[in-house]
Protein backbone atom coordinates (compact mmCIF):
# COMPACT_ATOMS: atom_id res chain seq x y z
CA ASP A 1 6.53 7.22 13.23
CA GLN A 2 5.74 6.25 16.81
CA ILE A 3 4.37 2.75 17.19
CA ARG A 4 2.77 1.70 20.47
CA VAL A 5 3.05 -1.82 21.80
CA ILE A 6 0.64 -2.55 24.63
CA ARG A 7 1.75 -5.47 26.77
CA GLN A 8 0.18 -7.05 29.84
CA PRO A 9 2.80 -8.84 31.91
CA PRO A 10 1.69 -12.33 33.01
CA GLY A 11 -0.13 -12.44 36.33
CA THR A 12 -0.94 -8.73 36.40
CA ILE A 13 -3.87 -6.57 35.39
CA GLU A 14 -1.67 -3.59 34.51
CA LYS A 15 -0.85 -2.83 30.91
CA LYS A 16 2.56 -1.53 29.90
CA VAL A 17 2.90 0.79 26.90
CA ILE A 18 6.15 0.55 24.94
CA LEU A 19 6.83 3.32 22.40
CA VAL A 20 8.90 2.33 19.38
CA ASP A 21 10.33 4.85 16.90
CA LEU A 22 10.07 3.04 13.57
CA ASP A 23 12.51 5.38 11.82
CA ALA A 24 15.11 4.81 14.54
CA VAL A 25 14.66 1.04 14.33
CA ASN A 26 15.05 1.13 10.54
CA LYS A 27 18.24 3.21 10.89
CA ARG A 28 19.46 0.81 13.60
CA LEU A 29 19.54 3.61 16.18
CA GLN A 30 17.05 1.82 18.41
CA GLU A 31 16.81 -1.88 19.14
CA ASP A 32 13.79 -3.65 17.69
CA ILE A 33 11.63 -5.25 20.36
CA VAL A 34 10.50 -8.86 20.29
CA LEU A 35 6.75 -9.25 20.34
CA VAL A 36 5.19 -11.77 22.69
CA ALA A 37 1.80 -13.47 22.62
CA GLY A 38 -0.96 -11.06 23.58
CA ASP A 39 0.87 -7.89 22.53
CA ILE A 40 -1.29 -5.25 20.88
CA VAL A 41 0.50 -3.18 18.22
CA GLU A 42 -0.93 0.23 17.26
CA VAL A 43 0.45 1.78 14.09
CA PRO A 44 -0.90 5.26 13.31
CA VAL A 45 -2.04 6.06 9.79
CA SER A 46 0.09 8.75 8.17
CA GLY A 47 -1.61 11.97 7.07
CA GLY A 48 -1.02 11.28 3.37
CA LYS A 49 -2.46 7.79 3.53
CA GLN A 50 -5.46 9.00 5.51
CA PHE A 51 -6.14 11.72 2.91
CA LEU A 52 -5.80 9.24 0.04
CA ARG A 53 -8.15 6.76 1.70
CA SER A 54 -10.79 9.41 2.32
CA LEU A 55 -10.44 10.66 -1.25
CA LEU A 56 -10.79 7.17 -2.68
CA GLY A 57 -13.67 6.49 -0.31
CA SER A 58 -15.61 9.38 -1.82
CA VAL A 59 -14.51 9.10 -5.48
CA VAL A 60 -15.05 5.37 -6.02
CA PRO A 61 -18.74 5.35 -5.00
CA ALA A 62 -19.34 8.47 -7.11
CA VAL A 63 -17.77 6.83 -10.18
CA ALA A 64 -19.90 3.73 -9.62
CA GLN A 65 -23.02 5.92 -9.90
CA LEU A 66 -22.07 7.30 -13.32
CA PRO A 67 -24.21 6.13 -16.24
CA MET A 68 -22.71 3.39 -18.37
CA ARG A 69 -22.84 3.48 -22.15
CA ALA A 70 -23.17 0.25 -24.06
CA ILE A 71 -21.39 0.30 -27.40
CA PRO A 72 -22.97 -2.12 -29.86
CA TYR A 73 -20.66 -4.08 -32.12
């Protein structure tokens, strides 16, 4: 999983993009970076999570439209 950290060094208008391999950081193969104020962190959504969210986004409203049955007691 590639994570992008977008950083603007003080006093400049340029933005620096730092790519971080999350798997490598978790396995301690790559050093974790220290975030500073103003950093923008972009974490991509995995394919499985995106599919699940779209599925839930279409199923939940459909279930809400189903008729309800009241059971008297």
